[in-house]
C-alpha cells in the first residue's frame, strides 16, 4: 500500500515508532527479535499505560514510549530516542528502576518482582568506542562477567552504526545480535522501495511495512507526525541558538578579563568586578 504523493513516515520519528508498536503483530515481531525468540513463543504483549515524560523544556517534546507486559509478567519499555541529550543514561536507569519497584504493592513480597527490560532505539551513537550497533546490558560481576541478576536488562540499538555492521556481515563476520539487525534496517529505512524489499523477509516485517504505509496514508496521523517533526526542529534550533549566545557571551567575558589584566588589575579585583569565581578568573588569565 502507498499513497498518491509517495510520502512515507520515517520510523526514526518517535511518534511513528509508537504508532507502529500499537499493532500487536508488529510488537510481537520486534520483541521476539530483541529476546531472540521465535515470534510464536511470544503469546502476550499487553500494552500498559505510560506516563507522559516531560524531560524537555517544551511539553511538545515529552518522551513517547511504549510499555508492554508479557505473559510471564516481564515488563518492557520500548522507545525511539531521536536526539541525544545529556543524562540519557541516568534517565533510562531512573525509569527502569521505577518500573521495577512499581510492581510491589503494599503487603506484597519481593518474590513478586519480575524482570524489567528497557529497549532504547537510538538515532545517535552512545558507545563511540564500540563498533557493535546492538548492546545487551545486565548487572554482572565486573571481574568475571558472571550475571548477578537478569531482572534489570537494557537493550541499546544504535542505528547510525548499522551501515558499517552490514558491511561486516556481508564479509562473513558474525555480529552480536543478528536477530535484531533486520528490525534496525526497518527503523533506518527511508524509501518505499527499501520498505517493499523488507516486507518480503517474513510475515512480521510485512505487517510492519504495511502498517507504516497505512499510517503514512492517514491524513490525521500525517499531521501529527509533521507536528512532531516541527517540534523537534524547533527544539534543535532553540538549543543551537542558546549555545551560540552562550559562546558569544563567553567570548565577551574573556575579552573583558584579559583587558582588565592588561590594565594591571589583580585576579581578585577582576573576580569582584566581573562577579565571577576567582578560580575561573585565574584560569582565563593564564591563557
C-alpha atoms as a PDB file:
ATOM      1  CA  UNK A   1       0.000   0.000   0.000  1.00  0.00           C
ATOM      2  CA  UNK A   2       1.227   3.514  -0.776  1.00  0.00           C
ATOM      3  CA  UNK A   3      -0.242   6.991  -1.040  1.00  0.00           C
ATOM      4  CA  UNK A   4      -0.559   9.289  -4.004  1.00  0.00           C
ATOM      5  CA  UNK A   5       2.302  11.675  -3.202  1.00  0.00           C
ATOM      6  CA  UNK A   6       4.662   8.826  -2.129  1.00  0.00           C
ATOM      7  CA  UNK A   7       5.011  10.304   1.365  1.00  0.00           C
ATOM      8  CA  UNK A   8       6.477   7.757   3.806  1.00  0.00           C
ATOM      9  CA  UNK A   9       6.846   8.366   7.514  1.00  0.00           C
ATOM     10  CA  UNK A  10      10.306   7.643   8.908  1.00  0.00           C
ATOM     11  CA  UNK A  11      10.284   5.109  11.783  1.00  0.00           C
ATOM     12  CA  UNK A  12      13.053   7.126  13.464  1.00  0.00           C
ATOM     13  CA  UNK A  13      10.363   9.665  14.322  1.00  0.00           C
ATOM     14  CA  UNK A  14       9.263   8.609  17.809  1.00  0.00           C
ATOM     15  CA  UNK A  15       5.592   9.351  17.051  1.00  0.00           C
ATOM     16  CA  UNK A  16       5.776   6.933  14.112  1.00  0.00           C
ATOM     17  CA  UNK A  17       7.599   4.344  16.248  1.00  0.00           C
ATOM     18  CA  UNK A  18       4.934   4.489  18.949  1.00  0.00           C
ATOM     19  CA  UNK A  19       2.145   4.157  16.377  1.00  0.00           C
ATOM     20  CA  UNK A  20       3.859   1.121  14.841  1.00  0.00           C
ATOM     21  CA  UNK A  21       4.069  -0.534  18.249  1.00  0.00           C
ATOM     22  CA  UNK A  22       0.306  -0.224  18.700  1.00  0.00           C
ATOM     23  CA  UNK A  23      -0.009  -3.085  16.190  1.00  0.00           C
ATOM     24  CA  UNK A  24       0.193  -6.359  18.211  1.00  0.00           C
ATOM     25  CA  UNK A  25       1.787  -8.342  15.378  1.00  0.00           C
ATOM     26  CA  UNK A  26       4.481  -5.716  14.787  1.00  0.00           C
ATOM     27  CA  UNK A  27       5.068  -5.514  18.520  1.00  0.00           C
ATOM     28  CA  UNK A  28       5.366  -9.302  18.771  1.00  0.00           C
ATOM     29  CA  UNK A  29       7.862  -9.474  15.899  1.00  0.00           C
ATOM     30  CA  UNK A  30      10.061  -6.702  17.315  1.00  0.00           C
ATOM     31  CA  UNK A  31      10.001  -8.080  20.866  1.00  0.00           C
ATOM     32  CA  UNK A  32      10.828 -11.567  19.559  1.00  0.00           C
ATOM     33  CA  UNK A  33      13.849 -10.085  17.790  1.00  0.00           C
ATOM     34  CA  UNK A  34      15.004  -8.387  20.995  1.00  0.00           C
ATOM     35  CA  UNK A  35      14.538 -11.526  23.091  1.00  0.00           C
ATOM     36  CA  UNK A  36      15.967 -13.790  20.344  1.00  0.00           C
ATOM     37  CA  UNK A  37      12.867 -15.972  20.305  1.00  0.00           C
ATOM     38  CA  UNK A  38      10.541 -17.330  17.675  1.00  0.00           C
ATOM     39  CA  UNK A  39       7.604 -14.875  17.485  1.00  0.00           C
ATOM     40  CA  UNK A  40       5.190 -17.745  18.136  1.00  0.00           C
ATOM     41  CA  UNK A  41       6.774 -18.139  21.592  1.00  0.00           C
ATOM     42  CA  UNK A  42       5.575 -14.618  22.458  1.00  0.00           C
ATOM     43  CA  UNK A  43       1.964 -15.273  23.449  1.00  0.00           C
ATOM     44  CA  UNK A  44       1.019 -11.916  25.002  1.00  0.00           C
ATOM     45  CA  UNK A  45       2.298  -8.353  24.584  1.00  0.00           C
ATOM     46  CA  UNK A  46      -0.233  -6.387  26.612  1.00  0.00           C
ATOM     47  CA  UNK A  47       0.042  -2.611  26.318  1.00  0.00           C
ATOM     48  CA  UNK A  48       0.248  -0.819  29.658  1.00  0.00           C
ATOM     49  CA  UNK A  49      -0.490   2.876  30.253  1.00  0.00           C
ATOM     50  CA  UNK A  50       2.562   5.130  30.241  1.00  0.00           C
ATOM     51  CA  UNK A  51       3.010   8.466  31.931  1.00  0.00           C
ATOM     52  CA  UNK A  52       3.851  11.273  29.537  1.00  0.00           C
ATOM     53  CA  UNK A  53       7.504  12.006  30.300  1.00  0.00           C
ATOM     54  CA  UNK A  54       8.300  15.688  30.197  1.00  0.00           C
ATOM     55  CA  UNK A  55      12.094  15.596  30.102  1.00  0.00           C
ATOM     56  CA  UNK A  56      12.341  18.523  27.686  1.00  0.00           C
ATOM     57  CA  UNK A  57      11.566  22.157  28.415  1.00  0.00           C
ATOM     58  CA  UNK A  58       8.987  22.136  25.619  1.00  0.00           C
ATOM     59  CA  UNK A  59       5.990  19.957  26.510  1.00  0.00           C
ATOM     60  CA  UNK A  60       5.625  19.049  22.831  1.00  0.00           C
ATOM     61  CA  UNK A  61       8.841  17.053  23.187  1.00  0.00           C
ATOM     62  CA  UNK A  62       7.798  14.832  26.082  1.00  0.00           C
ATOM     63  CA  UNK A  63       9.166  11.308  25.686  1.00  0.00           C
ATOM     64  CA  UNK A  64       6.963   8.927  23.682  1.00  0.00           C
ATOM     65  CA  UNK A  65       7.396   5.337  24.813  1.00  0.00           C
ATOM     66  CA  UNK A  66       5.550   2.014  24.739  1.00  0.00           C
ATOM     67  CA  UNK A  67       5.206  -0.141  27.838  1.00  0.00           C
ATOM     68  CA  UNK A  68       4.355  -3.823  27.488  1.00  0.00           C
ATOM     69  CA  UNK A  69       3.711  -6.763  29.818  1.00  0.00           C
ATOM     70  CA  UNK A  70       4.491 -10.298  28.604  1.00  0.00           C
ATOM     71  CA  UNK A  71       2.701 -13.480  29.659  1.00  0.00           C
ATOM     72  CA  UNK A  72       5.336 -14.331  32.303  1.00  0.00           C
ATOM     73  CA  UNK A  73       4.973 -10.910  33.948  1.00  0.00           C
ATOM     74  CA  UNK A  74       8.086  -9.401  32.341  1.00  0.00           C
ATOM     75  CA  UNK A  75       7.630  -5.690  31.649  1.00  0.00           C
ATOM     76  CA  UNK A  76       9.293  -3.906  28.740  1.00  0.00           C
ATOM     77  CA  UNK A  77       9.643  -0.215  27.985  1.00  0.00           C
ATOM     78  CA  UNK A  78      10.301   0.482  24.291  1.00  0.00           C
ATOM     79  CA  UNK A  79      11.345   3.880  22.975  1.00  0.00           C
ATOM     80  CA  UNK A  80      12.850   5.530  19.938  1.00  0.00           C
ATOM     81  CA  UNK A  81      15.244   8.257  21.036  1.00  0.00           C
ATOM     82  CA  UNK A  82      15.549  10.713  18.170  1.00  0.00           C
ATOM     83  CA  UNK A  83      18.108  13.170  19.550  1.00  0.00           C
ATOM     84  CA  UNK A  84      20.969  12.851  22.006  1.00  0.00           C
ATOM     85  CA  UNK A  85      20.592  14.772  25.224  1.00  0.00           C
ATOM     86  CA  UNK A  86      22.603  14.958  28.430  1.00  0.00           C
ATOM     87  CA  UNK A  87      21.968  12.344  31.127  1.00  0.00           C
ATOM     88  CA  UNK A  88      20.124   9.969  28.767  1.00  0.00           C
ATOM     89  CA  UNK A  89      21.709   7.023  30.594  1.00  0.00           C
ATOM     90  CA  UNK A  90      20.643   8.286  34.025  1.00  0.00           C
ATOM     91  CA  UNK A  91      17.079   8.856  32.847  1.00  0.00           C
ATOM     92  CA  UNK A  92      16.866   5.312  31.476  1.00  0.00           C
ATOM     93  CA  UNK A  93      18.026   3.849  34.805  1.00  0.00           C
ATOM     94  CA  UNK A  94      15.558   6.044  36.685  1.00  0.00           C
ATOM     95  CA  UNK A  95      12.579   4.807  34.674  1.00  0.00           C
ATOM     96  CA  UNK A  96      13.783   1.210  34.696  1.00  0.00           C
ATOM     97  CA  UNK A  97      14.065   1.342  38.496  1.00  0.00           C
ATOM     98  CA  UNK A  98      10.647   2.993  38.721  1.00  0.00           C
ATOM     99  CA  UNK A  99       9.125   0.256  36.557  1.00  0.00           C
ATOM    100  CA  UNK A 100      10.768  -2.422  38.746  1.00  0.00           C
ATOM    101  CA  UNK A 101       9.779  -1.014  42.153  1.00  0.00           C
ATOM    102  CA  UNK A 102       6.301  -0.121  40.874  1.00  0.00           C
ATOM    103  CA  UNK A 103       5.426  -3.834  40.785  1.00  0.00           C
ATOM    104  CA  UNK A 104       5.332  -4.046  44.587  1.00  0.00           C
ATOM    105  CA  UNK A 105       2.030  -3.211  46.236  1.00  0.00           C
ATOM    106  CA  UNK A 106       1.547  -2.865  49.999  1.00  0.00           C
ATOM    107  CA  UNK A 107       1.765  -6.309  51.598  1.00  0.00           C
ATOM    108  CA  UNK A 108       3.483  -7.974  48.630  1.00  0.00           C
ATOM    109  CA  UNK A 109       6.795  -9.793  48.995  1.00  0.00           C
ATOM    110  CA  UNK A 110       9.923  -9.387  46.878  1.00  0.00           C
ATOM    111  CA  UNK A 111       9.123 -12.717  45.239  1.00  0.00           C
ATOM    112  CA  UNK A 112       6.502 -10.872  43.183  1.00  0.00           C
ATOM    113  CA  UNK A 113       9.159  -8.879  41.331  1.00  0.00           C
ATOM    114  CA  UNK A 114       9.516  -9.760  37.641  1.00  0.00           C
ATOM    115  CA  UNK A 115      12.116  -8.883  35.032  1.00  0.00           C
ATOM    116  CA  UNK A 116      12.034  -5.315  33.676  1.00  0.00           C
ATOM    117  CA  UNK A 117      13.597  -4.511  30.308  1.00  0.00           C
ATOM    118  CA  UNK A 118      14.307  -1.164  28.674  1.00  0.00           C
ATOM    119  CA  UNK A 119      14.807  -1.090  24.902  1.00  0.00           C
ATOM    120  CA  UNK A 120      16.299   2.111  23.515  1.00  0.00           C
ATOM    121  CA  UNK A 121      16.429   2.507  19.738  1.00  0.00           C
ATOM    122  CA  UNK A 122      18.862   5.398  19.315  1.00  0.00           C
ATOM    123  CA  UNK A 123      19.235   7.571  16.262  1.00  0.00           C
ATOM    124  CA  UNK A 124      22.632   8.657  17.596  1.00  0.00           C
ATOM    125  CA  UNK A 125      25.827   6.933  18.764  1.00  0.00           C
ATOM    126  CA  UNK A 126      26.105   6.369  22.510  1.00  0.00           C
ATOM    127  CA  UNK A 127      29.092   3.966  22.600  1.00  0.00           C
ATOM    128  CA  UNK A 128      31.655   5.645  20.283  1.00  0.00           C
ATOM    129  CA  UNK A 129      34.470   3.234  21.196  1.00  0.00           C
ATOM    130  CA  UNK A 130      32.468   0.089  20.393  1.00  0.00           C
ATOM    131  CA  UNK A 131      31.811  -0.847  16.763  1.00  0.00           C
ATOM    132  CA  UNK A 132      28.771  -3.025  17.536  1.00  0.00           C
ATOM    133  CA  UNK A 133      25.360  -1.487  16.882  1.00  0.00           C
ATOM    134  CA  UNK A 134      23.476  -3.668  19.381  1.00  0.00           C
ATOM    135  CA  UNK A 135      24.206  -3.983  23.102  1.00  0.00           C
ATOM    136  CA  UNK A 136      22.567  -6.117  25.799  1.00  0.00           C
ATOM    137  CA  UNK A 137      23.373  -4.945  29.327  1.00  0.00           C
ATOM    138  CA  UNK A 138      22.798  -6.775  32.645  1.00  0.00           C
ATOM    139  CA  UNK A 139      24.012  -6.399  36.221  1.00  0.00           C
ATOM    140  CA  UNK A 140      27.146  -8.530  36.368  1.00  0.00           C
ATOM    141  CA  UNK A 141      30.396  -9.187  38.199  1.00  0.00           C
ATOM    142  CA  UNK A 142      32.860  -6.677  36.736  1.00  0.00           C
ATOM    143  CA  UNK A 143      35.764  -9.130  37.110  1.00  0.00           C
ATOM    144  CA  UNK A 144      34.268 -12.398  35.841  1.00  0.00           C
ATOM    145  CA  UNK A 145      31.372 -11.136  33.717  1.00  0.00           C
ATOM    146  CA  UNK A 146      29.053 -13.514  35.586  1.00  0.00           C
ATOM    147  CA  UNK A 147      25.483 -12.184  35.631  1.00  0.00           C
ATOM    148  CA  UNK A 148      24.420 -11.150  39.142  1.00  0.00           C
ATOM    149  CA  UNK A 149      20.767 -10.708  38.176  1.00  0.00           C
ATOM    150  CA  UNK A 150      18.836 -10.618  34.927  1.00  0.00           C
ATOM    151  CA  UNK A 151      15.874  -8.788  36.496  1.00  0.00           C
ATOM    152  CA  UNK A 152      17.284  -5.500  35.175  1.00  0.00           C
ATOM    153  CA  UNK A 153      18.047  -5.581  31.461  1.00  0.00           C
ATOM    154  CA  UNK A 154      18.835  -2.907  28.878  1.00  0.00           C
ATOM    155  CA  UNK A 155      18.987  -3.274  25.112  1.00  0.00           C
ATOM    156  CA  UNK A 156      20.579  -0.407  23.196  1.00  0.00           C
ATOM    157  CA  UNK A 157      20.289  -0.238  19.396  1.00  0.00           C
ATOM    158  CA  UNK A 158      22.493   2.410  17.708  1.00  0.00           C
ATOM    159  CA  UNK A 159      21.055   2.967  14.229  1.00  0.00           C
ATOM    160  CA  UNK A 160      23.894   5.172  12.844  1.00  0.00           C
ATOM    161  CA  UNK A 161      26.335   2.237  13.188  1.00  0.00           C
ATOM    162  CA  UNK A 162      24.160  -0.102  11.124  1.00  0.00           C
ATOM    163  CA  UNK A 163      25.686   0.509   7.635  1.00  0.00           C
ATOM    164  CA  UNK A 164      29.175  -0.477   8.777  1.00  0.00           C
ATOM    165  CA  UNK A 165      27.828  -3.508  10.642  1.00  0.00           C
ATOM    166  CA  UNK A 166      26.007  -4.675   7.498  1.00  0.00           C
ATOM    167  CA  UNK A 167      29.303  -4.485   5.601  1.00  0.00           C
ATOM    168  CA  UNK A 168      30.925  -6.702   8.239  1.00  0.00           C
ATOM    169  CA  UNK A 169      28.065  -9.219   7.953  1.00  0.00           C
ATOM    170  CA  UNK A 170      28.415  -9.282   4.151  1.00  0.00           C
ATOM    171  CA  UNK A 171      32.095 -10.088   4.641  1.00  0.00           C
ATOM    172  CA  UNK A 172      31.125 -13.148   6.665  1.00  0.00           C
ATOM    173  CA  UNK A 173      31.763 -11.800  10.142  1.00  0.00           C
ATOM    174  CA  UNK A 174      29.478 -12.980  12.950  1.00  0.00           C
ATOM    175  CA  UNK A 175      27.944  -9.968  14.680  1.00  0.00           C
ATOM    176  CA  UNK A 176      26.294  -9.818  18.103  1.00  0.00           C
ATOM    177  CA  UNK A 177      22.518  -9.529  17.957  1.00  0.00           C
ATOM    178  CA  UNK A 178      21.980 -10.575  14.349  1.00  0.00           C
ATOM    179  CA  UNK A 179      18.336 -11.425  15.093  1.00  0.00           C
ATOM    180  CA  UNK A 180      17.572  -7.745  15.689  1.00  0.00           C
ATOM    181  CA  UNK A 181      19.518  -6.419  12.686  1.00  0.00           C
ATOM    182  CA  UNK A 182      16.572  -6.660  10.247  1.00  0.00           C
ATOM    183  CA  UNK A 183      14.435  -4.577  12.614  1.00  0.00           C
ATOM    184  CA  UNK A 184      17.202  -1.992  12.781  1.00  0.00           C
ATOM    185  CA  UNK A 185      17.223  -1.967   8.979  1.00  0.00           C
ATOM    186  CA  UNK A 186      13.473  -1.343   9.036  1.00  0.00           C
ATOM    187  CA  UNK A 187      13.785   1.532  11.516  1.00  0.00           C
ATOM    188  CA  UNK A 188      16.544   3.032   9.364  1.00  0.00           C
ATOM    189  CA  UNK A 189      14.568   2.750   6.103  1.00  0.00           C
ATOM    190  CA  UNK A 190      13.772   5.852   4.066  1.00  0.00           C
ATOM    191  CA  UNK A 191      12.184   4.926   0.736  1.00  0.00           C
ATOM    192  CA  UNK A 192       9.162   2.963  -0.417  1.00  0.00           C
ATOM    193  CA  UNK A 193      11.419   0.644  -2.424  1.00  0.00           C
ATOM    194  CA  UNK A 194      13.512  -0.185   0.654  1.00  0.00           C
ATOM    195  CA  UNK A 195      10.437  -0.971   2.724  1.00  0.00           C
ATOM    196  CA  UNK A 196       8.832  -3.075  -0.019  1.00  0.00           C
ATOM    197  CA  UNK A 197      12.007  -5.187  -0.194  1.00  0.00           C
ATOM    198  CA  UNK A 198      11.991  -5.640   3.594  1.00  0.00           C
ATOM    199  CA  UNK A 199       8.343  -6.772   3.516  1.00  0.00           C
ATOM    200  CA  UNK A 200       9.419  -9.929   1.701  1.00  0.00           C
ATOM    201  CA  UNK A 201      11.563 -11.145   4.627  1.00  0.00           C
ATOM    202  CA  UNK A 202       8.779 -12.560   6.824  1.00  0.00           C
ATOM    203  CA  UNK A 203       5.161 -12.005   7.840  1.00  0.00           C
ATOM    204  CA  UNK A 204       6.071  -9.774  10.799  1.00  0.00           C
ATOM    205  CA  UNK A 205       8.200  -7.464   8.716  1.00  0.00           C
ATOM    206  CA  UNK A 206       5.461  -7.420   6.067  1.00  0.00           C
ATOM    207  CA  UNK A 207       2.985  -6.356   8.757  1.00  0.00           C
ATOM    208  CA  UNK A 208       5.348  -3.583   9.911  1.00  0.00           C
ATOM    209  CA  UNK A 209       5.750  -2.262   6.363  1.00  0.00           C
ATOM    210  CA  UNK A 210       2.001  -2.376   5.645  1.00  0.00           C
ATOM    211  CA  UNK A 211       1.292  -0.604   8.936  1.00  0.00           C
ATOM    212  CA  UNK A 212       3.861   2.070   8.075  1.00  0.00           C
ATOM    213  CA  UNK A 213       2.238   2.641   4.667  1.00  0.00           C
ATOM    214  CA  UNK A 214      -1.207   2.832   6.267  1.00  0.00           C
ATOM    215  CA  UNK A 215       0.000   5.395   8.805  1.00  0.00           C
ATOM    216  CA  UNK A 216       1.638   7.404   6.026  1.00  0.00           C
ATOM    217  CA  UNK A 217      -1.623   7.460   4.044  1.00  0.00           C
ATOM    218  CA  UNK A 218      -3.690   8.566   7.058  1.00  0.00           C
ATOM    219  CA  UNK A 219      -4.107  12.360   6.841  1.00  0.00           C
ATOM    220  CA  UNK A 220      -4.675  12.831  10.577  1.00  0.00           C
ATOM    221  CA  UNK A 221      -1.645  10.713  11.514  1.00  0.00           C
ATOM    222  CA  UNK A 222       0.427  12.579   8.947  1.00  0.00           C
ATOM    223  CA  UNK A 223      -0.462  15.915  10.564  1.00  0.00           C
ATOM    224  CA  UNK A 224       0.550  14.549  13.984  1.00  0.00           C
ATOM    225  CA  UNK A 225       3.788  13.202  12.518  1.00  0.00           C
ATOM    226  CA  UNK A 226       4.624  16.532  10.884  1.00  0.00           C
ATOM    227  CA  UNK A 227       3.817  18.414  14.093  1.00  0.00           C
ATOM    228  CA  UNK A 228       6.286  16.169  15.905  1.00  0.00           C
ATOM    229  CA  UNK A 229       8.936  16.778  13.228  1.00  0.00           C
ATOM    230  CA  UNK A 230       8.405  20.539  13.567  1.00  0.00           C
ATOM    231  CA  UNK A 231       8.660  20.389  17.362  1.00  0.00           C
ATOM    232  CA  UNK A 232      11.978  18.537  17.098  1.00  0.00           C
ATOM    233  CA  UNK A 233      13.343  21.035  14.525  1.00  0.00           C
ATOM    234  CA  UNK A 234      12.223  23.981  16.677  1.00  0.00           C
ATOM    235  CA  UNK A 235      13.815  22.463  19.762  1.00  0.00           C
ATOM    236  CA  UNK A 236      17.113  21.864  17.970  1.00  0.00           C
ATOM    237  CA  UNK A 237      17.090  25.420  16.612  1.00  0.00           C
ATOM    238  CA  UNK A 238      16.451  26.821  20.093  1.00  0.00           C
ATOM    239  CA  UNK A 239      19.265  24.739  21.583  1.00  0.00           C
ATOM    240  CA  UNK A 240      21.673  25.808  18.828  1.00  0.00           C
ATOM    241  CA  UNK A 241      20.740  29.478  19.282  1.00  0.00           C
ATOM    242  CA  UNK A 242      21.209  29.208  23.059  1.00  0.00           C
ATOM    243  CA  UNK A 243      24.593  27.564  22.533  1.00  0.00           C
ATOM    244  CA  UNK A 244      25.678  30.307  20.132  1.00  0.00           C
ATOM    245  CA  UNK A 245      24.532  33.033  22.564  1.00  0.00           C
ATOM    246  CA  UNK A 246      26.422  31.311  25.362  1.00  0.00           C
ATOM    247  CA  UNK A 247      29.578  31.132  23.262  1.00  0.00           C
ATOM    248  CA  UNK A 248      29.313  34.812  22.336  1.00  0.00           C
ATOM    249  CA  UNK A 249      28.826  35.814  25.961  1.00  0.00           C
ATOM    250  CA  UNK A 250      31.836  33.680  26.937  1.00  0.00           C
ATOM    251  CA  UNK A 251      33.987  35.445  24.328  1.00  0.00           C
ATOM    252  CA  UNK A 252      32.891  38.874  25.577  1.00  0.00           C
ATOM    253  CA  UNK A 253      33.635  37.993  29.231  1.00  0.00           C
ATOM    254  CA  UNK A 254      37.057  36.589  28.304  1.00  0.00           C
ATOM    255  CA  UNK A 255      37.954  39.756  26.394  1.00  0.00           C
ATOM    256  CA  UNK A 256      36.934  41.879  29.363  1.00  0.00           C
ATOM    257  CA  UNK A 257      39.017  39.812  31.784  1.00  0.00           C
ATOM    258  CA  UNK A 258      42.099  39.960  29.554  1.00  0.00           C
ATOM    259  CA  UNK A 259      41.632  43.715  29.084  1.00  0.00           C
ATOM    260  CA  UNK A 260      41.467  44.227  32.858  1.00  0.00           C
ATOM    261  CA  UNK A 261      44.567  42.072  33.199  1.00  0.00           C
ATOM    262  CA  UNK A 262      46.497  44.345  30.773  1.00  0.00           C
ATOM    263  CA  UNK A 263      45.383  47.300  32.884  1.00  0.00           C
ATOM    264  CA  UNK A 264      47.200  45.758  35.843  1.00  0.00           C
ATOM    265  CA  UNK A 265      44.183  44.510  37.784  1.00  0.00           C
ATOM    266  CA  UNK A 266      44.714  41.523  40.073  1.00  0.00           C
ATOM    267  CA  UNK A 267      42.720  38.289  39.765  1.00  0.00           C
ATOM    268  CA  UNK A 268      40.871  39.190  42.973  1.00  0.00           C
ATOM    269  CA  UNK A 269      39.929  42.640  41.637  1.00  0.00           C
ATOM    270  CA  UNK A 270      38.768  41.202  38.312  1.00  0.00           C
ATOM    271  CA  UNK A 271      36.703  38.484  40.056  1.00  0.00           C
ATOM    272  CA  UNK A 272      34.953  41.138  42.134  1.00  0.00           C
ATOM    273  CA  UNK A 273      34.382  43.436  39.153  1.00  0.00           C
ATOM    274  CA  UNK A 274      33.055  40.652  36.870  1.00  0.00           C
ATOM    275  CA  UNK A 275      31.201  38.812  39.658  1.00  0.00           C
ATOM    276  CA  UNK A 276      32.825  35.517  38.697  1.00  0.00           C
ATOM    277  CA  UNK A 277      34.608  32.786  40.721  1.00  0.00           C
ATOM    278  CA  UNK A 278      38.273  33.542  41.415  1.00  0.00           C
ATOM    279  CA  UNK A 279      39.399  30.156  40.082  1.00  0.00           C
ATOM    280  CA  UNK A 280      37.698  30.845  36.739  1.00  0.00           C
ATOM    281  CA  UNK A 281      39.399  34.246  36.514  1.00  0.00           C
ATOM    282  CA  UNK A 282      42.820  32.754  37.281  1.00  0.00           C
ATOM    283  CA  UNK A 283      42.337  30.080  34.636  1.00  0.00           C
ATOM    284  CA  UNK A 284      41.486  32.641  31.944  1.00  0.00           C
ATOM    285  CA  UNK A 285      44.355  34.926  32.992  1.00  0.00           C
ATOM    286  CA  UNK A 286      46.826  32.093  32.350  1.00  0.00           C
ATOM    287  CA  UNK A 287      45.916  31.951  28.633  1.00  0.00           C
END
